[in-house]
Amino acid sequence: MQTTHMATPVLEVAHLEKVYGALGNVTRALNDVSFTVNRGEFVGIMGASGSGKSTLLNCVSTIDSATSGTIRINGQDVTRMKQAKLSQFRREELGFIFQDSNLLDTLTARENIALPLTIARTNSAEISTRVQDVAARLSISQVLDKYPYQMSGGQQQRVAAAHDHGRRAHRRPRFQERSLAAREPGGP
């Protein structure tokens, strides 16, 4: 008898609710939202302004907490984590790319990507190798010596993704496919 091993979903959201306000002035931003995302899937969330898209992304990315329901990321229930464990999980496992990319304007793409590696006291030869590797993988090698104002929005977001990778690189030495939540991502 042959058994099929099902991979753990990257993201499982079950009966998620988010309520703002109190008593007579309650806004139900999320109402019984459930879905699963498996490795390799690309998922888009669409809806009218005010329909809860940003609230959902904020809850899934642990920027905000849900009123009820569960969120499992790679099998770990983030809705049950204590604050210290959640902070560690957020720092080590989640990537954030904000709408405006949050790059430092006075640094080139190369320097923005290298910054978290420098802060982590990675040696300069290894920093150079890692920056070149992630830049090649994200097709941004041609903008490494440009400042953010000299790049397209999509290039800025890919540099921000590379920067985020560097922030977590001391735990993962090579760029690996991970989960990513982005609000209005741009570029290819």
C-alpha atoms as a PDB file:
ATOM      1  CA  MET A   1       0.000   0.000   0.000  1.00  0.00           C
ATOM      2  CA  GLN A   2       1.384   3.340  -1.052  1.00  0.00           C
ATOM      3  CA  THR A   3       0.641   6.485   0.958  1.00  0.00           C
ATOM      4  CA  THR A   4       0.839  10.003  -0.332  1.00  0.00           C
ATOM      5  CA  HIS A   5       2.490  12.524   1.969  1.00  0.00           C
ATOM      6  CA  MET A   6       0.668  15.840   1.887  1.00  0.00           C
ATOM      7  CA  ALA A   7       2.953  18.828   2.365  1.00  0.00           C
ATOM      8  CA  THR A   8       2.064  21.285   5.097  1.00  0.00           C
ATOM      9  CA  PRO A   9       0.323  24.300   3.569  1.00  0.00           C
ATOM     10  CA  VAL A  10       2.334  27.516   3.620  1.00  0.00           C
ATOM     11  CA  LEU A  11      -0.679  29.376   4.986  1.00  0.00           C
ATOM     12  CA  GLU A  12      -3.917  28.210   6.585  1.00  0.00           C
ATOM     13  CA  VAL A  13      -6.509  30.764   7.647  1.00  0.00           C
ATOM     14  CA  ALA A  14      -9.577  29.396   9.470  1.00  0.00           C
ATOM     15  CA  HIS A  15     -12.681  31.313  10.568  1.00  0.00           C
ATOM     16  CA  LEU A  16     -10.750  34.567  10.859  1.00  0.00           C
ATOM     17  CA  GLU A  17     -12.614  37.561  12.245  1.00  0.00           C
ATOM     18  CA  LYS A  18     -11.473  41.101  12.966  1.00  0.00           C
ATOM     19  CA  VAL A  19     -13.751  43.561  14.702  1.00  0.00           C
ATOM     20  CA  TYR A  20     -12.934  47.206  15.413  1.00  0.00           C
ATOM     21  CA  GLY A  21     -14.751  49.492  17.820  1.00  0.00           C
ATOM     22  CA  ALA A  22     -17.092  48.737  20.700  1.00  0.00           C
ATOM     23  CA  LEU A  23     -20.752  48.578  21.602  1.00  0.00           C
ATOM     24  CA  GLY A  24     -22.856  50.658  19.188  1.00  0.00           C
ATOM     25  CA  ASN A  25     -19.983  51.520  16.838  1.00  0.00           C
ATOM     26  CA  VAL A  26     -18.648  48.158  15.629  1.00  0.00           C
ATOM     27  CA  THR A  27     -16.977  47.545  12.283  1.00  0.00           C
ATOM     28  CA  ARG A  28     -16.581  43.917  11.229  1.00  0.00           C
ATOM     29  CA  ALA A  29     -13.572  44.102   8.889  1.00  0.00           C
ATOM     30  CA  LEU A  30     -13.234  40.308   8.503  1.00  0.00           C
ATOM     31  CA  ASN A  31     -16.097  37.858   8.918  1.00  0.00           C
ATOM     32  CA  ASP A  32     -15.380  34.103   8.968  1.00  0.00           C
ATOM     33  CA  VAL A  33     -12.569  34.165   6.384  1.00  0.00           C
ATOM     34  CA  SER A  34     -11.045  30.749   5.624  1.00  0.00           C
ATOM     35  CA  PHE A  35      -8.576  29.651   2.936  1.00  0.00           C
ATOM     36  CA  THR A  36      -5.401  27.633   2.379  1.00  0.00           C
ATOM     37  CA  VAL A  37      -2.322  28.480   0.325  1.00  0.00           C
ATOM     38  CA  ASN A  38      -0.008  25.645  -0.710  1.00  0.00           C
ATOM     39  CA  ARG A  39       3.668  25.949  -1.615  1.00  0.00           C
ATOM     40  CA  GLY A  40       4.129  27.322  -5.127  1.00  0.00           C
ATOM     41  CA  GLU A  41       0.693  28.899  -5.345  1.00  0.00           C
ATOM     42  CA  PHE A  42       0.252  32.539  -6.276  1.00  0.00           C
ATOM     43  CA  VAL A  43      -2.803  34.070  -4.641  1.00  0.00           C
ATOM     44  CA  GLY A  44      -4.363  37.469  -5.241  1.00  0.00           C
ATOM     45  CA  ILE A  45      -6.859  39.122  -2.918  1.00  0.00           C
ATOM     46  CA  MET A  46      -9.277  41.445  -4.669  1.00  0.00           C
ATOM     47  CA  GLY A  47     -12.174  43.532  -3.441  1.00  0.00           C
ATOM     48  CA  ALA A  48     -13.627  46.979  -3.181  1.00  0.00           C
ATOM     49  CA  SER A  49     -12.038  49.685  -1.064  1.00  0.00           C
ATOM     50  CA  GLY A  50     -12.848  49.027   2.586  1.00  0.00           C
ATOM     51  CA  SER A  51     -13.601  45.318   2.055  1.00  0.00           C
ATOM     52  CA  GLY A  52     -10.845  44.114   4.435  1.00  0.00           C
ATOM     53  CA  LYS A  53      -7.939  43.299   2.089  1.00  0.00           C
ATOM     54  CA  SER A  54      -5.349  45.282   4.068  1.00  0.00           C
ATOM     55  CA  THR A  55      -6.784  44.065   7.377  1.00  0.00           C
ATOM     56  CA  LEU A  56      -6.423  40.465   6.173  1.00  0.00           C
ATOM     57  CA  LEU A  57      -2.808  41.030   5.058  1.00  0.00           C
ATOM     58  CA  ASN A  58      -2.008  42.774   8.353  1.00  0.00           C
ATOM     59  CA  CYS A  59      -3.426  39.847  10.354  1.00  0.00           C
ATOM     60  CA  VAL A  60      -1.688  37.201   8.220  1.00  0.00           C
ATOM     61  CA  SER A  61       1.633  39.051   8.479  1.00  0.00           C
ATOM     62  CA  THR A  62       1.190  39.447  12.274  1.00  0.00           C
ATOM     63  CA  ILE A  63       1.239  43.246  12.071  1.00  0.00           C
ATOM     64  CA  ASP A  64      -2.276  43.164  13.576  1.00  0.00           C
ATOM     65  CA  SER A  65      -4.035  40.481  15.581  1.00  0.00           C
ATOM     66  CA  ALA A  66      -7.335  38.845  14.709  1.00  0.00           C
ATOM     67  CA  THR A  67     -10.334  39.025  17.023  1.00  0.00           C
ATOM     68  CA  SER A  68     -10.895  35.284  16.550  1.00  0.00           C
ATOM     69  CA  GLY A  69      -9.922  32.406  14.285  1.00  0.00           C
ATOM     70  CA  THR A  70      -6.562  30.852  13.505  1.00  0.00           C
ATOM     71  CA  ILE A  71      -3.652  31.603  11.219  1.00  0.00           C
ATOM     72  CA  ARG A  72      -1.055  28.887  10.627  1.00  0.00           C
ATOM     73  CA  ILE A  73       2.136  29.730   8.757  1.00  0.00           C
ATOM     74  CA  ASN A  74       4.155  26.660   7.787  1.00  0.00           C
ATOM     75  CA  GLY A  75       2.201  24.692  10.394  1.00  0.00           C
ATOM     76  CA  GLN A  76       2.811  27.144  13.241  1.00  0.00           C
ATOM     77  CA  ASP A  77      -0.248  28.790  14.796  1.00  0.00           C
ATOM     78  CA  VAL A  78       0.750  32.457  15.033  1.00  0.00           C
ATOM     79  CA  THR A  79      -2.562  33.415  16.677  1.00  0.00           C
ATOM     80  CA  ARG A  80      -1.585  31.455  19.811  1.00  0.00           C
ATOM     81  CA  MET A  81       2.002  32.696  20.139  1.00  0.00           C
ATOM     82  CA  LYS A  82       3.054  34.839  23.069  1.00  0.00           C
ATOM     83  CA  GLN A  83       4.479  38.247  22.114  1.00  0.00           C
ATOM     84  CA  ALA A  84       8.176  37.315  22.525  1.00  0.00           C
ATOM     85  CA  LYS A  85       7.793  34.152  20.424  1.00  0.00           C
ATOM     86  CA  LEU A  86       5.744  36.070  17.829  1.00  0.00           C
ATOM     87  CA  SER A  87       8.454  38.741  17.589  1.00  0.00           C
ATOM     88  CA  GLN A  88      11.083  36.066  17.044  1.00  0.00           C
ATOM     89  CA  PHE A  89       8.891  34.301  14.453  1.00  0.00           C
ATOM     90  CA  ARG A  90       8.248  37.593  12.640  1.00  0.00           C
ATOM     91  CA  ARG A  91      11.957  38.454  12.637  1.00  0.00           C
ATOM     92  CA  GLU A  92      13.163  35.027  11.469  1.00  0.00           C
ATOM     93  CA  GLU A  93      10.372  33.695   9.263  1.00  0.00           C
ATOM     94  CA  LEU A  94       8.384  36.529   7.716  1.00  0.00           C
ATOM     95  CA  GLY A  95       9.323  38.954   4.993  1.00  0.00           C
ATOM     96  CA  PHE A  96       7.855  42.417   4.663  1.00  0.00           C
ATOM     97  CA  ILE A  97       7.850  44.539   1.546  1.00  0.00           C
ATOM     98  CA  PHE A  98       5.883  47.710   2.061  1.00  0.00           C
ATOM     99  CA  GLN A  99       4.100  49.622  -0.655  1.00  0.00           C
ATOM    100  CA  ASP A 100       6.730  52.381  -0.713  1.00  0.00           C
ATOM    101  CA  SER A 101       9.635  49.850  -0.399  1.00  0.00           C
ATOM    102  CA  ASN A 102      11.206  51.617   2.638  1.00  0.00           C
ATOM    103  CA  LEU A 103      14.682  51.807   1.055  1.00  0.00           C
ATOM    104  CA  LEU A 104      17.185  54.332   2.380  1.00  0.00           C
ATOM    105  CA  ASP A 105      17.383  57.093  -0.240  1.00  0.00           C
ATOM    106  CA  THR A 106      21.032  57.906   0.514  1.00  0.00           C
ATOM    107  CA  LEU A 107      22.200  54.335  -0.163  1.00  0.00           C
ATOM    108  CA  THR A 108      22.562  52.539  -3.490  1.00  0.00           C
ATOM    109  CA  ALA A 109      20.678  49.305  -4.108  1.00  0.00           C
ATOM    110  CA  ARG A 110      23.881  47.390  -3.311  1.00  0.00           C
ATOM    111  CA  GLU A 111      24.256  49.238   0.007  1.00  0.00           C
ATOM    112  CA  ASN A 112      20.558  48.801   0.894  1.00  0.00           C
ATOM    113  CA  ILE A 113      20.827  45.053   0.300  1.00  0.00           C
ATOM    114  CA  ALA A 114      24.126  44.795   2.213  1.00  0.00           C
ATOM    115  CA  LEU A 115      22.989  46.855   5.218  1.00  0.00           C
ATOM    116  CA  PRO A 116      21.366  44.079   7.291  1.00  0.00           C
ATOM    117  CA  LEU A 117      24.294  41.773   6.534  1.00  0.00           C
ATOM    118  CA  THR A 118      26.710  44.471   7.697  1.00  0.00           C
ATOM    119  CA  ILE A 119      24.703  44.973  10.887  1.00  0.00           C
ATOM    120  CA  ALA A 120      24.839  41.191  11.442  1.00  0.00           C
ATOM    121  CA  ARG A 121      28.668  41.474  11.160  1.00  0.00           C
ATOM    122  CA  THR A 122      28.925  39.269   8.070  1.00  0.00           C
ATOM    123  CA  ASN A 123      32.395  39.493   6.511  1.00  0.00           C
ATOM    124  CA  SER A 124      32.699  41.759   3.475  1.00  0.00           C
ATOM    125  CA  ALA A 125      33.603  39.023   0.961  1.00  0.00           C
ATOM    126  CA  GLU A 126      30.526  37.026   1.953  1.00  0.00           C
ATOM    127  CA  ILE A 127      28.348  40.162   1.788  1.00  0.00           C
ATOM    128  CA  SER A 128      29.532  40.814  -1.757  1.00  0.00           C
ATOM    129  CA  THR A 129      28.796  37.216  -2.815  1.00  0.00           C
ATOM    130  CA  ARG A 130      25.339  37.218  -1.222  1.00  0.00           C
ATOM    131  CA  VAL A 131      24.405  40.586  -2.729  1.00  0.00           C
ATOM    132  CA  GLN A 132      25.461  39.444  -6.211  1.00  0.00           C
ATOM    133  CA  ASP A 133      23.586  36.134  -5.809  1.00  0.00           C
ATOM    134  CA  VAL A 134      20.281  37.607  -4.667  1.00  0.00           C
ATOM    135  CA  ALA A 135      20.532  40.437  -7.231  1.00  0.00           C
ATOM    136  CA  ALA A 136      20.980  37.901 -10.036  1.00  0.00           C
ATOM    137  CA  ARG A 137      18.041  35.823  -8.802  1.00  0.00           C
ATOM    138  CA  LEU A 138      15.773  38.882  -8.641  1.00  0.00           C
ATOM    139  CA  SER A 139      17.026  40.380 -11.946  1.00  0.00           C
ATOM    140  CA  ILE A 140      18.306  43.582 -10.354  1.00  0.00           C
ATOM    141  CA  SER A 141      22.058  43.294 -10.982  1.00  0.00           C
ATOM    142  CA  GLN A 142      21.869  46.224 -13.407  1.00  0.00           C
ATOM    143  CA  VAL A 143      20.602  48.601 -10.682  1.00  0.00           C
ATOM    144  CA  LEU A 144      23.007  47.706  -7.859  1.00  0.00           C
ATOM    145  CA  ASP A 145      24.859  51.018  -8.167  1.00  0.00           C
ATOM    146  CA  LYS A 146      21.734  53.157  -8.523  1.00  0.00           C
ATOM    147  CA  TYR A 147      19.904  55.089  -5.830  1.00  0.00           C
ATOM    148  CA  PRO A 148      16.190  54.405  -5.209  1.00  0.00           C
ATOM    149  CA  TYR A 149      15.082  57.544  -7.113  1.00  0.00           C
ATOM    150  CA  GLN A 150      16.908  56.175 -10.188  1.00  0.00           C
ATOM    151  CA  MET A 151      14.962  52.867 -10.155  1.00  0.00           C
ATOM    152  CA  SER A 152      11.456  51.919 -11.249  1.00  0.00           C
ATOM    153  CA  GLY A 153       8.900  51.008  -8.597  1.00  0.00           C
ATOM    154  CA  GLY A 154       9.255  47.316  -9.451  1.00  0.00           C
ATOM    155  CA  GLN A 155      13.038  47.487  -9.168  1.00  0.00           C
ATOM    156  CA  GLN A 156      12.712  49.221  -5.788  1.00  0.00           C
ATOM    157  CA  GLN A 157      10.407  46.472  -4.548  1.00  0.00           C
ATOM    158  CA  ARG A 158      12.811  43.753  -5.695  1.00  0.00           C
ATOM    159  CA  VAL A 159      15.686  45.578  -3.942  1.00  0.00           C
ATOM    160  CA  ALA A 160      13.469  45.701  -0.834  1.00  0.00           C
ATOM    161  CA  ALA A 161      12.896  41.933  -1.180  1.00  0.00           C
ATOM    162  CA  ALA A 162      16.674  41.420  -1.417  1.00  0.00           C
ATOM    163  CA  HIS A 163      17.168  43.676   1.632  1.00  0.00           C
ATOM    164  CA  ASP A 164      14.608  41.629   3.557  1.00  0.00           C
ATOM    165  CA  HIS A 165      16.428  38.452   2.536  1.00  0.00           C
ATOM    166  CA  GLY A 166      19.628  39.947   3.941  1.00  0.00           C
ATOM    167  CA  ARG A 167      17.835  40.713   7.188  1.00  0.00           C
ATOM    168  CA  ARG A 168      17.137  36.998   7.587  1.00  0.00           C
ATOM    169  CA  ALA A 169      20.284  35.695   5.839  1.00  0.00           C
ATOM    170  CA  HIS A 170      22.168  34.878   9.017  1.00  0.00           C
ATOM    171  CA  ARG A 171      19.573  32.110   9.498  1.00  0.00           C
ATOM    172  CA  ARG A 172      19.338  31.066   5.817  1.00  0.00           C
ATOM    173  CA  PRO A 173      22.684  31.332   4.029  1.00  0.00           C
ATOM    174  CA  ARG A 174      21.259  31.108   0.509  1.00  0.00           C
ATOM    175  CA  PHE A 175      18.244  32.770  -1.042  1.00  0.00           C
ATOM    176  CA  GLN A 176      15.347  30.343  -0.741  1.00  0.00           C
ATOM    177  CA  GLU A 177      11.767  30.401  -1.935  1.00  0.00           C
ATOM    178  CA  ARG A 178       9.630  31.657   0.934  1.00  0.00           C
ATOM    179  CA  SER A 179       6.160  33.019   1.492  1.00  0.00           C
ATOM    180  CA  LEU A 180       5.596  36.638   0.673  1.00  0.00           C
ATOM    181  CA  ALA A 181       2.658  38.942   1.309  1.00  0.00           C
ATOM    182  CA  ALA A 182       2.675  42.240  -0.552  1.00  0.00           C
ATOM    183  CA  ARG A 183       0.065  44.959  -0.884  1.00  0.00           C
ATOM    184  CA  GLU A 184      -0.099  46.237  -4.474  1.00  0.00           C
ATOM    185  CA  PRO A 185       3.204  44.678  -5.588  1.00  0.00           C
ATOM    186  CA  GLY A 186       4.772  46.109  -8.712  1.00  0.00           C
ATOM    187  CA  GLY A 187       7.208  44.984 -11.341  1.00  0.00           C
ATOM    188  CA  PRO A 188       7.762  41.563 -12.878  1.00  0.00           C
END
